[in-house]
Amino acid sequence: MIENQNVKNRLSWWEYDHFLKGLDYTIIGSGIVGLSTAIELKLVNPSSKVLVIDKKRLPFGASTKNAGFACFGSISEILDDYNTYGEEDCQKLIQMRWTGLSILKERISPVTMNYKQESGAEIFNSEEDHSFYEDKLSWVNSFVSAIVKNDNSFHSQNGKFGNEIINKLEGSINPQMMMVELERIARNLGVLFMTGIEVKVINYDEKSLNTDIGSMDYNQLIICTNGFSKALLPESDIQPARNQVFITFKIPGFKLDHCYHMNKGYVYFREYDGRLLIGGGRNIDLAREATDELGTTDLISKYLNDIVGQRILPQQPYSIEHSWSGILGVGDTKMPMVKMIDKNVLVAIRMGGMGVAIGSFIGKVAASMMQSIDNSVHQLYVS
């Protein structure tokens, strides 16, 4: 049967020699973490042979399906993380996100990924909620200042949606432009790509992958499949989480000055090219949104539309041009999982919905660990 055939025997000599012979690193997953890991491996050791494989011709997780927020946390998210995970882990999360965004912005120019530092604005459901977080501004600014090198990242103002708390260091990107550039950088460094290959089982003892086109040998393996990891890593706590997004047709005269968050980051919206882009809402149906199936639902579509009609575009007509969903990888903690699970196998997963911010840094950590480099980046994560 085809499962027992080695992929190399299905290739010509030229293909085998180019893709598989003398392979040093195999990376499963061509999203932001997979590409960032591949880039870092080649930057440290240009002569290494790195192959990225993916089950789809395009990444099907969240790397190109997110809403394009380049953020490290709204004030309510930071306080929630502090209360849930404690001071040390909360600082680590902010540090990883900030470092990841810094790496990304150094690697890709603002024009190339349409990066705009528009500031992030959090809006609240009541004046009581706003007053609660406004009272925490001094503490939060002090808490993040050593990381972001800014003493006044957050401030309160009266804005379009009432009293808002602004994070002036947030911005937005075009995720597809970002991923195209990451792939271009990787290819220019000599990273190889094979798409349309689905890994079914990892045979650790044999150092091989059972795929839908046969078995593939690996030397060192890095798993960067995030929200789709449960099938390969059934013992891990990683769970898929679907986020739904829609964008309207152009709305005459429509303009927003910031990227917006509400409900502790579960809902987010911004203006893109005269359109409203809004997403999230899985918090109202967490059980059914714990899926790796792409698609949208009437329940969450109605929830998001109600927010638009009541808060964003009251009494203003609009129509939806396009809707989609992306798959996140979440777990019992927001801390990414970056660890060796076998002598030659490393996982870099559980981005917790912060892949744009954290992915470039996690790629650096994964490459450093796999190459056994004594690097300070190790100190910034826990698995």
Protein backbone atom coordinates (compact mmCIF):
# COMPACT_ATOMS: atom_id res chain seq x y z
CA MET A 1 0.00 0.00 0.00
CA ILE A 2 1.08 3.58 -0.54
CA GLU A 3 1.52 4.19 3.21
CA ASN A 4 4.39 1.68 3.23
CA GLN A 5 6.21 3.30 0.33
CA ASN A 6 8.93 5.83 1.03
CA VAL A 7 8.26 9.18 -0.60
CA LYS A 8 11.79 9.25 -2.03
CA ASN A 9 10.94 6.23 -4.19
CA ARG A 10 8.10 8.18 -5.76
CA LEU A 11 10.42 11.01 -6.75
CA SER A 12 12.91 11.35 -9.58
CA TRP A 13 16.59 11.47 -8.70
CA TRP A 14 16.50 15.22 -9.31
CA GLU A 15 13.60 15.74 -6.93
CA TYR A 16 15.03 13.44 -4.28
CA ASP A 17 18.45 15.07 -4.50
CA HIS A 18 16.95 18.57 -4.29
CA PHE A 19 14.38 18.06 -1.52
CA LEU A 20 15.31 15.09 0.64
CA LYS A 21 18.93 13.99 0.30
CA GLY A 22 21.07 15.22 3.19
CA LEU A 23 18.12 16.91 4.88
CA ASP A 24 19.00 18.51 8.23
CA TYR A 25 15.67 19.94 9.41
CA THR A 26 12.07 19.15 8.53
CA ILE A 27 9.44 21.66 9.65
CA ILE A 28 5.75 20.73 9.64
CA GLY A 29 3.64 23.86 9.13
CA SER A 30 4.20 26.85 6.86
CA GLY A 31 2.58 29.52 9.01
CA ILE A 32 4.38 32.40 10.68
CA VAL A 33 6.08 30.17 13.28
CA GLY A 34 7.18 27.57 10.73
CA LEU A 35 8.60 30.16 8.33
CA SER A 36 10.22 32.15 11.14
CA THR A 37 11.88 28.98 12.44
CA ALA A 38 13.14 28.09 8.97
CA ILE A 39 14.55 31.60 8.48
CA GLU A 40 16.33 31.53 11.84
CA LEU A 41 17.84 28.10 11.13
CA LYS A 42 19.29 29.35 7.84
CA LEU A 43 20.52 32.63 9.30
CA VAL A 44 22.52 30.78 11.96
CA ASN A 45 23.72 27.99 9.64
CA PRO A 46 23.36 28.94 5.95
CA SER A 47 24.67 25.56 4.78
CA SER A 48 21.95 23.58 6.59
CA LYS A 49 19.25 21.96 4.49
CA VAL A 50 15.79 23.00 5.71
CA LEU A 51 12.50 21.67 4.33
CA VAL A 52 9.05 23.06 5.17
CA ILE A 53 6.07 20.80 4.47
CA ASP A 54 2.39 21.63 4.78
CA LYS A 55 -0.80 19.71 4.10
CA LYS A 56 -2.28 22.61 2.12
CA ARG A 57 -0.92 24.77 -0.67
CA LEU A 58 -1.77 27.78 1.48
CA PRO A 59 -1.50 27.96 5.29
CA PHE A 60 -4.93 27.05 6.69
CA GLY A 61 -4.48 28.12 10.30
CA ALA A 62 -4.54 31.72 11.44
CA SER A 63 -1.39 33.17 9.86
CA THR A 64 -3.24 34.53 6.83
CA LYS A 65 -6.74 34.42 8.30
CA ASN A 66 -6.37 36.73 11.28
CA ALA A 67 -7.66 40.30 11.40
CA GLY A 68 -4.21 41.87 11.08
CA PHE A 69 -3.75 43.25 14.60
CA ALA A 70 -0.12 43.85 15.64
CA CYS A 71 -0.68 44.11 19.39
CA PHE A 72 0.76 42.94 22.70
CA GLY A 73 -2.36 43.25 24.84
CA SER A 74 -5.11 45.68 25.79
CA ILE A 75 -5.29 46.91 29.38
CA SER A 76 -8.04 44.44 30.32
CA GLU A 77 -6.11 41.52 28.77
CA ILE A 78 -2.94 42.45 30.66
CA LEU A 79 -4.75 42.71 33.98
CA ASP A 80 -6.62 39.48 33.30
CA ASP A 81 -3.36 37.67 32.50
CA TYR A 82 -1.75 39.13 35.63
CA ASN A 83 -4.58 37.86 37.82
CA THR A 84 -4.69 34.46 36.09
CA TYR A 85 -1.01 33.63 35.60
CA GLY A 86 0.82 35.89 38.04
CA GLU A 87 3.34 38.69 37.62
CA GLU A 88 6.24 36.68 36.18
CA ASP A 89 4.33 34.87 33.44
CA CYS A 90 2.35 37.99 32.53
CA GLN A 91 5.61 39.89 32.03
CA LYS A 92 6.99 37.01 29.97
CA LEU A 93 3.95 37.05 27.71
CA ILE A 94 4.26 40.79 27.09
CA GLN A 95 8.02 40.47 26.57
CA MET A 96 7.60 37.68 24.00
CA ARG A 97 4.93 39.58 22.11
CA TRP A 98 6.92 42.81 22.11
CA THR A 99 10.13 41.05 21.07
CA GLY A 100 8.30 39.14 18.36
CA LEU A 101 6.79 42.31 16.92
CA SER A 102 10.21 43.97 17.00
CA ILE A 103 11.78 41.06 15.08
CA LEU A 104 8.94 41.13 12.55
CA LYS A 105 9.23 44.89 11.97
CA GLU A 106 12.99 44.61 11.55
CA ARG A 107 12.60 41.72 9.11
CA ILE A 108 9.82 43.20 6.99
CA SER A 109 9.50 46.88 6.11
CA PRO A 110 6.26 48.70 7.00
CA VAL A 111 5.40 49.23 3.33
CA THR A 112 5.92 45.58 2.45
CA MET A 113 3.38 44.32 5.00
CA ASN A 114 1.26 47.50 5.13
CA TYR A 115 2.13 48.10 8.78
CA LYS A 116 0.46 51.11 10.39
CA GLN A 117 0.96 52.17 14.00
CA GLU A 118 -2.61 53.33 14.45
CA SER A 119 -2.78 52.75 18.21
CA GLY A 120 -5.14 50.32 19.87
CA ALA A 121 -8.27 51.50 21.64
CA GLU A 122 -10.24 49.46 24.14
CA ILE A 123 -13.90 50.32 24.54
CA PHE A 124 -16.09 49.26 27.45
CA ASN A 125 -19.68 48.24 28.03
CA SER A 126 -20.19 50.69 30.90
CA GLU A 127 -18.67 53.75 32.52
CA GLU A 128 -18.10 51.63 35.60
CA ASP A 129 -15.88 49.26 33.60
CA HIS A 130 -13.95 52.16 32.06
CA SER A 131 -13.42 53.79 35.47
CA PHE A 132 -12.09 50.52 36.89
CA TYR A 133 -9.40 50.23 34.22
CA GLU A 134 -8.70 53.96 34.17
CA ASP A 135 -7.74 53.67 37.83
CA LYS A 136 -5.16 51.02 36.82
CA LEU A 137 -3.42 53.13 34.16
CA SER A 138 -0.47 54.21 36.28
CA TRP A 139 0.19 50.66 37.45
CA VAL A 140 -0.07 49.14 33.96
CA ASN A 141 2.21 51.79 32.44
CA SER A 142 4.79 51.08 35.12
CA PHE A 143 4.38 47.32 34.64
CA VAL A 144 5.10 47.39 30.88
CA SER A 145 7.53 50.33 30.72
CA ALA A 146 10.72 48.30 31.15
CA ILE A 147 9.64 46.01 28.31
CA VAL A 148 8.39 48.51 25.73
CA LYS A 149 10.78 51.31 26.74
CA ASN A 150 7.94 53.77 27.09
CA ASP A 151 6.57 55.23 30.33
CA ASN A 152 3.15 56.17 28.99
CA SER A 153 2.00 53.48 26.58
CA PHE A 154 -1.60 53.65 27.81
CA HIS A 155 -3.80 56.68 28.33
CA SER A 156 -7.51 57.42 28.62
CA GLN A 157 -9.44 59.66 26.26
CA ASN A 158 -12.93 60.44 25.12
CA GLY A 159 -13.18 59.05 21.61
CA LYS A 160 -15.57 57.94 18.92
CA PHE A 161 -17.08 55.25 21.13
CA GLY A 162 -17.08 57.16 24.41
CA ASN A 163 -14.36 56.80 27.00
CA GLU A 164 -11.54 54.66 25.60
CA ILE A 165 -8.16 53.48 26.83
CA ILE A 166 -5.51 53.83 24.16
CA ASN A 167 -2.36 51.78 23.69
CA LYS A 168 -0.32 54.03 21.42
CA LEU A 169 2.17 51.28 20.54
CA GLU A 170 -0.29 49.00 18.72
CA GLY A 171 -0.75 48.77 14.98
CA SER A 172 -2.09 46.72 12.10
CA ILE A 173 -0.71 44.76 9.16
CA ASN A 174 -1.88 42.96 6.05
CA PRO A 175 -1.34 39.29 7.06
CA GLN A 176 -1.13 38.00 3.49
CA MET A 177 1.53 40.56 2.55
CA MET A 178 3.44 39.57 5.70
CA MET A 179 3.35 35.87 4.86
CA VAL A 180 4.32 36.40 1.21
CA GLU A 181 7.38 38.33 2.35
CA LEU A 182 8.32 35.75 4.97
CA GLU A 183 8.16 33.03 2.33
CA ARG A 184 10.21 35.14 -0.07
CA ILE A 185 12.88 35.68 2.60
CA ALA A 186 12.91 31.96 3.42
CA ARG A 187 13.22 30.93 -0.23
CA ASN A 188 16.00 33.45 -0.83
CA LEU A 189 17.89 31.89 2.08
CA GLY A 190 17.53 28.48 0.44
CA VAL A 191 14.64 27.02 2.45
CA LEU A 192 12.84 24.27 0.49
CA PHE A 193 9.06 23.81 0.35
CA MET A 194 6.84 20.79 -0.34
CA THR A 195 3.11 21.45 -0.02
CA GLY A 196 0.10 19.17 -0.28
CA ILE A 197 1.63 16.60 2.08
CA GLU A 198 -0.41 15.67 5.14
CA VAL A 199 1.44 14.04 8.02
CA LYS A 200 -0.68 11.32 9.63
CA VAL A 201 1.66 9.78 12.22
CA ILE A 202 5.15 10.48 13.57
CA ASN A 203 7.26 7.35 14.02
CA TYR A 204 9.77 8.49 16.61
CA ASP A 205 11.77 5.25 16.76
CA GLU A 206 12.16 5.07 12.99
CA LYS A 207 12.55 8.85 12.58
CA SER A 208 9.94 8.89 9.84
CA LEU A 209 6.61 10.49 9.02
CA ASN A 210 3.62 8.57 7.71
CA THR A 211 2.02 10.89 5.15
CA ASP A 212 -0.79 10.62 2.65
CA ILE A 213 1.78 10.05 -0.13
CA GLY A 214 4.02 7.60 1.72
CA SER A 215 6.65 7.68 4.46
CA MET A 216 9.30 10.39 4.79
CA ASP A 217 12.47 10.16 6.82
CA TYR A 218 13.58 13.06 9.00
CA ASN A 219 16.81 13.96 10.75
CA GLN A 220 15.55 16.69 13.08
CA LEU A 221 11.87 17.56 13.17
CA ILE A 222 10.10 20.76 14.27
CA ILE A 223 6.30 20.75 14.59
CA CYS A 224 4.71 24.17 14.02
CA THR A 225 1.10 23.17 13.41
CA ASN A 226 -0.49 25.21 16.24
CA GLY A 227 -4.29 24.82 16.09
CA PHE A 228 -4.04 21.61 14.06
CA SER A 229 -1.60 19.90 16.45
CA LYS A 230 -3.97 17.59 18.33
CA ALA A 231 -3.98 14.94 15.59
CA LEU A 232 -0.18 14.64 15.73
CA LEU A 233 0.19 15.27 19.46
CA PRO A 234 -2.85 13.67 21.12
CA GLU A 235 -1.31 13.84 24.60
CA SER A 236 -0.76 17.60 24.51
CA ASP A 237 -3.22 20.13 25.98
CA ILE A 238 -3.38 22.02 22.67
CA GLN A 239 -6.93 22.71 21.48
CA PRO A 240 -8.14 24.32 18.27
CA ALA A 241 -10.19 27.50 18.57
CA ARG A 242 -12.03 29.00 15.63
CA ASN A 243 -12.31 32.76 15.25
CA GLN A 244 -14.80 34.17 12.78
CA VAL A 245 -14.27 37.42 10.87
CA PHE A 246 -16.19 39.47 8.34
CA ILE A 247 -15.51 42.58 6.28
CA THR A 248 -18.09 44.93 4.78
CA PHE A 249 -18.30 46.55 1.40
CA LYS A 250 -16.89 50.08 1.35
CA ILE A 251 -18.95 52.46 3.45
CA PRO A 252 -19.04 56.08 2.19
CA GLY A 253 -17.20 58.38 4.59
CA PHE A 254 -16.31 55.59 7.00
CA LYS A 255 -13.08 56.09 8.93
CA LEU A 256 -11.69 54.80 12.22
CA ASP A 257 -8.58 56.22 13.83
CA HIS A 258 -7.56 53.15 15.84
CA CYS A 259 -7.66 49.37 16.04
CA TYR A 260 -10.36 48.52 18.59
CA HIS A 261 -10.79 45.84 21.24
CA MET A 262 -13.68 45.02 23.54
CA ASN A 263 -14.73 42.22 25.90
CA LYS A 264 -11.13 41.50 27.02
CA GLY A 265 -9.97 41.11 23.45
CA TYR A 266 -12.59 38.56 22.44
CA VAL A 267 -14.03 41.07 19.95
CA TYR A 268 -11.93 43.34 17.76
CA PHE A 269 -12.57 45.63 14.83
CA ARG A 270 -10.86 48.19 12.63
CA GLU A 271 -11.29 50.10 9.41
CA TYR A 272 -9.60 48.72 6.32
CA ASP A 273 -9.74 50.65 3.06
CA GLY A 274 -13.07 52.28 3.91
CA ARG A 275 -14.55 48.99 5.14
CA LEU A 276 -15.34 47.70 8.60
CA LEU A 277 -13.48 44.52 9.59
CA ILE A 278 -14.74 42.81 12.73
CA GLY A 279 -14.02 39.43 14.27
CA GLY A 280 -14.02 37.23 17.35
CA GLY A 281 -16.95 36.42 19.58
CA ARG A 282 -16.03 32.79 20.25
CA ASN A 283 -16.46 33.50 23.98
CA ILE A 284 -20.24 33.22 23.58
CA ASP A 285 -19.97 29.67 22.21
CA LEU A 286 -16.63 28.30 23.41
CA ALA A 287 -17.59 24.62 23.20
CA ARG A 288 -18.67 24.65 19.54
CA GLU A 289 -15.84 26.98 18.53
CA ALA A 290 -13.27 24.49 19.86
CA THR A 291 -12.94 23.07 16.34
CA ASP A 292 -10.44 22.99 13.50
CA GLU A 293 -13.23 23.10 10.91
CA LEU A 294 -13.30 26.32 8.93
CA GLY A 295 -16.65 28.04 8.60
CA THR A 296 -18.97 30.62 10.10
CA THR A 297 -22.08 30.25 12.27
CA ASP A 298 -25.34 32.15 12.49
CA LEU A 299 -24.97 32.60 16.26
CA ILE A 300 -21.64 34.42 16.15
CA SER A 301 -22.50 36.26 12.93
CA LYS A 302 -25.59 37.66 14.66
CA TYR A 303 -23.56 38.54 17.76
CA LEU A 304 -21.00 40.49 15.72
CA ASN A 305 -23.70 42.14 13.62
CA ASP A 306 -25.50 43.23 16.78
CA ILE A 307 -22.30 44.90 18.00
CA VAL A 308 -21.95 46.67 14.66
CA GLY A 309 -25.55 47.88 14.72
CA GLN A 310 -25.55 48.93 18.37
CA ARG A 311 -22.02 50.28 18.88
CA ILE A 312 -20.11 50.85 15.66
CA LEU A 313 -22.56 51.82 12.90
CA PRO A 314 -25.85 52.64 14.62
CA GLN A 315 -28.58 53.51 12.11
CA GLN A 316 -26.08 53.32 9.25
CA PRO A 317 -26.62 50.77 6.48
CA TYR A 318 -23.87 48.32 5.58
CA SER A 319 -23.54 44.95 3.90
CA ILE A 320 -21.02 42.18 4.27
CA GLU A 321 -18.75 41.48 1.32
CA HIS A 322 -16.79 38.56 2.72
CA SER A 323 -16.62 36.34 5.81
CA TRP A 324 -14.13 33.70 6.87
CA SER A 325 -12.58 31.97 9.87
CA GLY A 326 -9.15 31.04 11.18
CA ILE A 327 -7.97 28.36 13.58
CA LEU A 328 -6.01 29.31 16.69
CA GLY A 329 -4.07 27.03 19.02
CA VAL A 330 -4.95 27.46 22.70
CA GLY A 331 -4.43 25.52 25.93
CA ASP A 332 -4.57 25.64 29.68
CA THR A 333 -2.17 28.57 29.61
CA LYS A 334 -1.41 31.38 27.18
CA MET A 335 2.28 30.53 27.42
CA PRO A 336 3.52 29.03 24.13
CA MET A 337 4.63 25.42 24.17
CA VAL A 338 8.22 25.22 22.93
CA LYS A 339 9.97 22.04 24.00
CA MET A 340 11.72 18.87 22.92
CA ILE A 341 9.32 15.93 23.00
CA ASP A 342 11.85 13.44 21.64
CA LYS A 343 15.60 13.43 21.10
CA ASN A 344 15.15 14.79 17.58
CA VAL A 345 11.68 16.35 17.73
CA LEU A 346 10.70 19.82 18.95
CA VAL A 347 7.25 21.40 19.12
CA ALA A 348 6.57 25.14 18.80
CA ILE A 349 2.81 25.51 19.22
CA ARG A 350 0.03 27.07 21.36
CA MET A 351 0.29 30.69 20.22
CA GLY A 352 -2.92 31.57 22.07
CA GLY A 353 -4.26 33.85 19.35
CA MET A 354 -1.14 36.02 19.37
CA GLY A 355 0.73 34.47 16.43
CA VAL A 356 1.36 37.75 14.61
CA ALA A 357 2.99 39.25 17.69
CA ILE A 358 4.72 36.22 19.12
CA GLY A 359 5.47 34.03 16.07
CA SER A 360 8.78 35.57 15.01
CA PHE A 361 10.16 35.28 18.53
CA ILE A 362 9.00 31.69 18.92
CA GLY A 363 10.72 30.87 15.62
CA LYS A 364 13.94 32.24 17.09
CA VAL A 365 13.53 30.20 20.27
CA ALA A 366 12.72 27.01 18.33
CA ALA A 367 15.73 27.35 16.04
CA SER A 368 18.01 28.13 18.95
CA MET A 369 16.83 25.12 20.94
CA MET A 370 17.08 22.77 17.98
CA GLN A 371 20.61 23.94 17.25
CA SER A 372 21.56 23.75 20.95
CA ILE A 373 22.71 27.36 20.98
CA ASP A 374 23.29 28.96 24.39
CA ASN A 375 21.09 31.97 23.81
CA SER A 376 19.30 34.28 26.23
CA VAL A 377 16.03 33.82 24.32
CA HIS A 378 15.62 30.52 26.20
CA GLN A 379 14.98 32.44 29.37
CA LEU A 380 11.86 34.11 28.00
CA TYR A 381 9.59 31.14 27.58
CA VAL A 382 8.12 28.33 29.60
CA SER A 383 6.64 25.22 28.03
